[in-house]
Amino acid sequence: MAATTINTEVLRLRAKALRLNGLVEHWGEIDGAAWLAPLLQWEEDERAHRSLQRRVRAAKLGKFKSIADFDWTWPARIDRAAVEDLMSLTFLADATNVVFIGPNGVGKSTLAQNVAHHALIQGHTVLFKSASEMLGELAALDSDSALRRRLRHYATPDILVIDEVGYLSYSNRHADLLFELISRRYEACSTIV
């Protein structure tokens, strides 16, 4: 009897967490119904699925090669253990930043996209932007309030991936904006460059 009461209370709390207020309001009428647990599970699963789809769209990762298809033999000096450690996402707990360094074409963007995608699957928020696109967008904003809003947009994801930082030279304005953004994220959220 006690286990049934606990199970019923767990189901009611799940319905409340899902904000199924009508269901919670009429709980006495449906308590113990065989369809209740599967219904709540379906709703939780569907919401988790839609949440993941929404986060994936918002992340703007684009198409990328899976880490399962990554060529670990080239370049020879790639630290596979370090990349696999990044996939554990432990760096997110203390808002550690990650920097991939190497010449063109070795897979820095692919690795960053895979880490970001894994974070999305684990429920984190991610945004992927090229440095030139992001800084150009920020520099083009006319008003201080618009700039503050856009900086906040870039400062809030759990992971911000800034791709291709070292490929272009930037004006002082662009450098100041990049510094401002990194300062806002420092020790609050992780950034991958």
C-alpha atoms as a PDB file:
ATOM      1  CA  MET A   1       0.000   0.000   0.000  1.00  0.00           C
ATOM      2  CA  ALA A   2       2.788   2.434   0.902  1.00  0.00           C
ATOM      3  CA  ALA A   3       4.575   1.779  -2.418  1.00  0.00           C
ATOM      4  CA  THR A   4       1.362   2.542  -4.312  1.00  0.00           C
ATOM      5  CA  THR A   5       0.967   5.820  -2.420  1.00  0.00           C
ATOM      6  CA  ILE A   6       4.568   6.785  -3.198  1.00  0.00           C
ATOM      7  CA  ASN A   7       4.143   5.839  -6.872  1.00  0.00           C
ATOM      8  CA  THR A   8       0.918   7.853  -7.065  1.00  0.00           C
ATOM      9  CA  GLU A   9       2.628  10.867  -5.502  1.00  0.00           C
ATOM     10  CA  VAL A  10       5.570  10.542  -7.921  1.00  0.00           C
ATOM     11  CA  LEU A  11       3.133  10.470 -10.852  1.00  0.00           C
ATOM     12  CA  ARG A  12       1.291  13.519  -9.506  1.00  0.00           C
ATOM     13  CA  LEU A  13       4.585  15.412  -9.104  1.00  0.00           C
ATOM     14  CA  ARG A  14       5.571  14.483 -12.674  1.00  0.00           C
ATOM     15  CA  ALA A  15       2.219  15.811 -13.935  1.00  0.00           C
ATOM     16  CA  LYS A  16       2.740  18.986 -11.919  1.00  0.00           C
ATOM     17  CA  ALA A  17       6.286  19.409 -13.305  1.00  0.00           C
ATOM     18  CA  LEU A  18       4.827  19.090 -16.807  1.00  0.00           C
ATOM     19  CA  ARG A  19       2.323  21.803 -15.855  1.00  0.00           C
ATOM     20  CA  LEU A  20      -0.617  19.567 -16.686  1.00  0.00           C
ATOM     21  CA  ASN A  21      -2.781  21.628 -14.372  1.00  0.00           C
ATOM     22  CA  GLY A  22      -6.105  20.144 -15.483  1.00  0.00           C
ATOM     23  CA  LEU A  23      -4.826  16.658 -14.797  1.00  0.00           C
ATOM     24  CA  VAL A  24      -3.461  17.657 -11.384  1.00  0.00           C
ATOM     25  CA  GLU A  25      -6.721  19.461 -10.511  1.00  0.00           C
ATOM     26  CA  HIS A  26      -8.748  16.284 -11.196  1.00  0.00           C
ATOM     27  CA  TRP A  27      -6.159  13.886  -9.766  1.00  0.00           C
ATOM     28  CA  GLY A  28      -8.645  12.187  -7.455  1.00  0.00           C
ATOM     29  CA  GLU A  29     -10.739  11.123 -10.459  1.00  0.00           C
ATOM     30  CA  ILE A  30      -7.849   9.576 -12.407  1.00  0.00           C
ATOM     31  CA  ASP A  31      -5.596   8.332  -9.597  1.00  0.00           C
ATOM     32  CA  GLY A  32      -4.599   4.728 -10.265  1.00  0.00           C
ATOM     33  CA  ALA A  33      -5.634   4.712 -13.933  1.00  0.00           C
ATOM     34  CA  ALA A  34      -3.464   2.304 -15.947  1.00  0.00           C
ATOM     35  CA  TRP A  35      -2.948   4.839 -18.740  1.00  0.00           C
ATOM     36  CA  LEU A  36      -1.591   7.558 -16.455  1.00  0.00           C
ATOM     37  CA  ALA A  37       2.082   6.471 -16.215  1.00  0.00           C
ATOM     38  CA  PRO A  38       2.467   5.861 -19.981  1.00  0.00           C
ATOM     39  CA  LEU A  39       0.741   9.177 -20.743  1.00  0.00           C
ATOM     40  CA  LEU A  40       3.156  11.097 -18.524  1.00  0.00           C
ATOM     41  CA  GLN A  41       6.121   9.227 -20.023  1.00  0.00           C
ATOM     42  CA  TRP A  42       4.968  10.036 -23.577  1.00  0.00           C
ATOM     43  CA  GLU A  43       4.599  13.702 -22.677  1.00  0.00           C
ATOM     44  CA  GLU A  44       8.036  13.834 -21.018  1.00  0.00           C
ATOM     45  CA  ASP A  45       9.655  12.078 -23.980  1.00  0.00           C
ATOM     46  CA  GLU A  46       7.956  14.341 -26.527  1.00  0.00           C
ATOM     47  CA  ARG A  47       8.940  17.487 -24.656  1.00  0.00           C
ATOM     48  CA  ALA A  48      12.549  16.293 -24.361  1.00  0.00           C
ATOM     49  CA  HIS A  49      12.583  15.529 -28.100  1.00  0.00           C
ATOM     50  CA  ARG A  50      11.161  18.934 -29.047  1.00  0.00           C
ATOM     51  CA  SER A  51      13.574  20.650 -26.664  1.00  0.00           C
ATOM     52  CA  LEU A  52      16.517  18.912 -28.339  1.00  0.00           C
ATOM     53  CA  GLN A  53      15.230  19.844 -31.806  1.00  0.00           C
ATOM     54  CA  ARG A  54      14.838  23.466 -30.730  1.00  0.00           C
ATOM     55  CA  ARG A  55      18.345  23.591 -29.223  1.00  0.00           C
ATOM     56  CA  VAL A  56      19.876  21.965 -32.328  1.00  0.00           C
ATOM     57  CA  ARG A  57      18.197  24.524 -34.617  1.00  0.00           C
ATOM     58  CA  ALA A  58      19.248  27.427 -32.398  1.00  0.00           C
ATOM     59  CA  ALA A  59      22.863  26.163 -32.193  1.00  0.00           C
ATOM     60  CA  LYS A  60      23.401  26.588 -35.959  1.00  0.00           C
ATOM     61  CA  LEU A  61      26.046  23.862 -36.077  1.00  0.00           C
ATOM     62  CA  GLY A  62      25.533  23.175 -39.774  1.00  0.00           C
ATOM     63  CA  LYS A  63      26.608  19.908 -41.369  1.00  0.00           C
ATOM     64  CA  PHE A  64      29.688  18.224 -39.995  1.00  0.00           C
ATOM     65  CA  LYS A  65      31.474  14.893 -40.040  1.00  0.00           C
ATOM     66  CA  SER A  66      30.803  12.634 -37.062  1.00  0.00           C
ATOM     67  CA  ILE A  67      33.662  12.049 -34.660  1.00  0.00           C
ATOM     68  CA  ALA A  68      33.224   8.327 -35.402  1.00  0.00           C
ATOM     69  CA  ASP A  69      34.448   9.096 -38.951  1.00  0.00           C
ATOM     70  CA  PHE A  70      37.302  11.354 -37.811  1.00  0.00           C
ATOM     71  CA  ASP A  71      40.760  10.391 -39.106  1.00  0.00           C
ATOM     72  CA  TRP A  72      42.806  10.099 -35.918  1.00  0.00           C
ATOM     73  CA  THR A  73      45.949   9.159 -37.861  1.00  0.00           C
ATOM     74  CA  TRP A  74      46.300  12.625 -39.402  1.00  0.00           C
ATOM     75  CA  PRO A  75      47.648  14.871 -38.110  1.00  0.00           C
ATOM     76  CA  ALA A  76      49.937  12.573 -36.166  1.00  0.00           C
ATOM     77  CA  ARG A  77      50.163  14.849 -33.113  1.00  0.00           C
ATOM     78  CA  ILE A  78      46.445  15.070 -32.328  1.00  0.00           C
ATOM     79  CA  ASP A  79      45.715  14.223 -28.690  1.00  0.00           C
ATOM     80  CA  ARG A  80      42.819  11.787 -28.958  1.00  0.00           C
ATOM     81  CA  ALA A  81      42.628  11.293 -25.187  1.00  0.00           C
ATOM     82  CA  ALA A  82      42.214  15.049 -24.660  1.00  0.00           C
ATOM     83  CA  VAL A  83      39.422  15.186 -27.257  1.00  0.00           C
ATOM     84  CA  GLU A  84      37.684  12.195 -25.682  1.00  0.00           C
ATOM     85  CA  ASP A  85      37.996  13.925 -22.307  1.00  0.00           C
ATOM     86  CA  LEU A  86      36.279  16.984 -23.809  1.00  0.00           C
ATOM     87  CA  MET A  87      33.421  14.725 -24.909  1.00  0.00           C
ATOM     88  CA  SER A  88      32.773  13.977 -21.216  1.00  0.00           C
ATOM     89  CA  LEU A  89      31.811  17.680 -20.913  1.00  0.00           C
ATOM     90  CA  THR A  90      33.498  18.018 -17.511  1.00  0.00           C
ATOM     91  CA  PHE A  91      34.886  21.379 -18.640  1.00  0.00           C
ATOM     92  CA  LEU A  92      31.349  22.801 -18.446  1.00  0.00           C
ATOM     93  CA  ALA A  93      31.131  22.358 -14.673  1.00  0.00           C
ATOM     94  CA  ASP A  94      33.720  25.046 -13.972  1.00  0.00           C
ATOM     95  CA  ALA A  95      33.184  27.047 -17.184  1.00  0.00           C
ATOM     96  CA  THR A  96      36.605  26.174 -18.580  1.00  0.00           C
ATOM     97  CA  ASN A  97      37.341  27.444 -22.073  1.00  0.00           C
ATOM     98  CA  VAL A  98      38.709  25.235 -24.859  1.00  0.00           C
ATOM     99  CA  VAL A  99      41.095  26.288 -27.623  1.00  0.00           C
ATOM    100  CA  PHE A 100      41.785  24.095 -30.656  1.00  0.00           C
ATOM    101  CA  ILE A 101      45.079  25.051 -32.292  1.00  0.00           C
ATOM    102  CA  GLY A 102      46.424  23.842 -35.625  1.00  0.00           C
ATOM    103  CA  PRO A 103      46.847  24.617 -39.310  1.00  0.00           C
ATOM    104  CA  ASN A 104      44.006  24.706 -41.845  1.00  0.00           C
ATOM    105  CA  GLY A 105      42.220  21.466 -42.617  1.00  0.00           C
ATOM    106  CA  VAL A 106      43.173  19.336 -39.619  1.00  0.00           C
ATOM    107  CA  GLY A 107      39.653  19.140 -38.162  1.00  0.00           C
ATOM    108  CA  LYS A 108      39.477  21.817 -35.470  1.00  0.00           C
ATOM    109  CA  SER A 109      35.981  22.896 -36.523  1.00  0.00           C
ATOM    110  CA  THR A 110      34.813  19.284 -36.828  1.00  0.00           C
ATOM    111  CA  LEU A 111      36.008  18.480 -33.320  1.00  0.00           C
ATOM    112  CA  ALA A 112      34.379  21.628 -31.917  1.00  0.00           C
ATOM    113  CA  GLN A 113      31.106  20.796 -33.690  1.00  0.00           C
ATOM    114  CA  ASN A 114      31.151  17.257 -32.290  1.00  0.00           C
ATOM    115  CA  VAL A 115      31.758  18.464 -28.732  1.00  0.00           C
ATOM    116  CA  ALA A 116      28.979  21.037 -29.169  1.00  0.00           C
ATOM    117  CA  HIS A 117      26.577  18.454 -30.618  1.00  0.00           C
ATOM    118  CA  HIS A 118      27.261  16.081 -27.736  1.00  0.00           C
ATOM    119  CA  ALA A 119      26.550  18.924 -25.293  1.00  0.00           C
ATOM    120  CA  LEU A 120      23.222  19.572 -27.045  1.00  0.00           C
ATOM    121  CA  ILE A 121      22.248  15.926 -26.661  1.00  0.00           C
ATOM    122  CA  GLN A 122      23.097  16.159 -22.957  1.00  0.00           C
ATOM    123  CA  GLY A 123      20.676  19.094 -22.566  1.00  0.00           C
ATOM    124  CA  HIS A 124      23.046  22.068 -22.791  1.00  0.00           C
ATOM    125  CA  THR A 125      22.577  25.175 -24.906  1.00  0.00           C
ATOM    126  CA  VAL A 126      25.080  25.861 -27.675  1.00  0.00           C
ATOM    127  CA  LEU A 127      25.720  28.523 -30.303  1.00  0.00           C
ATOM    128  CA  PHE A 128      28.182  28.080 -33.182  1.00  0.00           C
ATOM    129  CA  LYS A 129      29.362  31.180 -35.078  1.00  0.00           C
ATOM    130  CA  SER A 130      32.323  32.161 -37.191  1.00  0.00           C
ATOM    131  CA  ALA A 131      34.290  34.997 -35.628  1.00  0.00           C
ATOM    132  CA  SER A 132      33.969  37.223 -38.692  1.00  0.00           C
ATOM    133  CA  GLU A 133      30.191  36.781 -38.907  1.00  0.00           C
ATOM    134  CA  MET A 134      29.659  37.355 -35.184  1.00  0.00           C
ATOM    135  CA  LEU A 135      31.976  40.362 -34.876  1.00  0.00           C
ATOM    136  CA  GLY A 136      30.649  41.909 -38.095  1.00  0.00           C
ATOM    137  CA  GLU A 137      27.110  41.565 -36.766  1.00  0.00           C
ATOM    138  CA  LEU A 138      28.038  43.134 -33.429  1.00  0.00           C
ATOM    139  CA  ALA A 139      30.008  45.988 -35.024  1.00  0.00           C
ATOM    140  CA  ALA A 140      27.107  46.840 -37.338  1.00  0.00           C
ATOM    141  CA  LEU A 141      24.674  47.495 -34.488  1.00  0.00           C
ATOM    142  CA  ASP A 142      23.783  51.170 -34.227  1.00  0.00           C
ATOM    143  CA  SER A 143      22.566  51.594 -30.679  1.00  0.00           C
ATOM    144  CA  ASP A 144      24.063  50.676 -27.329  1.00  0.00           C
ATOM    145  CA  SER A 145      20.863  48.908 -26.295  1.00  0.00           C
ATOM    146  CA  ALA A 146      20.895  46.721 -29.431  1.00  0.00           C
ATOM    147  CA  LEU A 147      24.566  45.913 -28.830  1.00  0.00           C
ATOM    148  CA  ARG A 148      23.898  44.991 -25.186  1.00  0.00           C
ATOM    149  CA  ARG A 149      21.021  42.707 -26.234  1.00  0.00           C
ATOM    150  CA  ARG A 150      23.146  40.977 -28.872  1.00  0.00           C
ATOM    151  CA  LEU A 151      26.095  40.579 -26.514  1.00  0.00           C
ATOM    152  CA  ARG A 152      23.691  39.018 -24.006  1.00  0.00           C
ATOM    153  CA  HIS A 153      22.517  36.643 -26.768  1.00  0.00           C
ATOM    154  CA  TYR A 154      26.107  35.470 -27.273  1.00  0.00           C
ATOM    155  CA  ALA A 155      26.939  35.467 -23.560  1.00  0.00           C
ATOM    156  CA  THR A 156      24.146  33.135 -22.413  1.00  0.00           C
ATOM    157  CA  PRO A 157      24.645  29.723 -24.124  1.00  0.00           C
ATOM    158  CA  ASP A 158      26.356  27.054 -22.037  1.00  0.00           C
ATOM    159  CA  ILE A 159      28.854  26.714 -24.905  1.00  0.00           C
ATOM    160  CA  LEU A 160      29.701  29.373 -27.472  1.00  0.00           C
ATOM    161  CA  VAL A 161      31.832  28.037 -30.322  1.00  0.00           C
ATOM    162  CA  ILE A 162      33.681  30.850 -32.088  1.00  0.00           C
ATOM    163  CA  ASP A 163      35.100  29.360 -35.268  1.00  0.00           C
ATOM    164  CA  GLU A 164      37.936  30.682 -37.421  1.00  0.00           C
ATOM    165  CA  VAL A 165      39.210  33.271 -34.942  1.00  0.00           C
ATOM    166  CA  GLY A 166      42.764  33.304 -36.251  1.00  0.00           C
ATOM    167  CA  TYR A 167      42.090  33.481 -39.989  1.00  0.00           C
ATOM    168  CA  LEU A 168      41.394  37.197 -40.364  1.00  0.00           C
ATOM    169  CA  SER A 169      42.785  40.391 -38.949  1.00  0.00           C
ATOM    170  CA  TYR A 170      40.298  42.518 -37.073  1.00  0.00           C
ATOM    171  CA  SER A 171      39.912  46.223 -36.437  1.00  0.00           C
ATOM    172  CA  ASN A 172      40.263  47.648 -32.942  1.00  0.00           C
ATOM    173  CA  ARG A 173      36.455  47.795 -32.730  1.00  0.00           C
ATOM    174  CA  HIS A 174      36.169  44.081 -33.527  1.00  0.00           C
ATOM    175  CA  ALA A 175      38.917  43.237 -31.020  1.00  0.00           C
ATOM    176  CA  ASP A 176      37.144  45.289 -28.332  1.00  0.00           C
ATOM    177  CA  LEU A 177      33.861  43.492 -29.026  1.00  0.00           C
ATOM    178  CA  LEU A 178      35.536  40.084 -28.849  1.00  0.00           C
ATOM    179  CA  PHE A 179      37.192  41.055 -25.556  1.00  0.00           C
ATOM    180  CA  GLU A 180      33.853  42.299 -24.177  1.00  0.00           C
ATOM    181  CA  LEU A 181      32.123  39.055 -25.108  1.00  0.00           C
ATOM    182  CA  ILE A 182      34.847  36.818 -23.685  1.00  0.00           C
ATOM    183  CA  SER A 183      34.853  38.919 -20.491  1.00  0.00           C
ATOM    184  CA  ARG A 184      31.089  38.455 -20.086  1.00  0.00           C
ATOM    185  CA  ARG A 185      31.424  34.695 -20.493  1.00  0.00           C
ATOM    186  CA  TYR A 186      34.579  34.316 -18.364  1.00  0.00           C
ATOM    187  CA  GLU A 187      34.017  31.948 -15.426  1.00  0.00           C
ATOM    188  CA  ALA A 188      30.292  31.829 -16.233  1.00  0.00           C
ATOM    189  CA  CYS A 189      30.048  29.767 -19.429  1.00  0.00           C
ATOM    190  CA  SER A 190      32.454  27.783 -21.596  1.00  0.00           C
ATOM    191  CA  THR A 191      33.744  29.084 -24.902  1.00  0.00           C
ATOM    192  CA  ILE A 192      35.359  26.938 -27.586  1.00  0.00           C
ATOM    193  CA  VAL A 193      37.685  28.694 -30.031  1.00  0.00           C
END
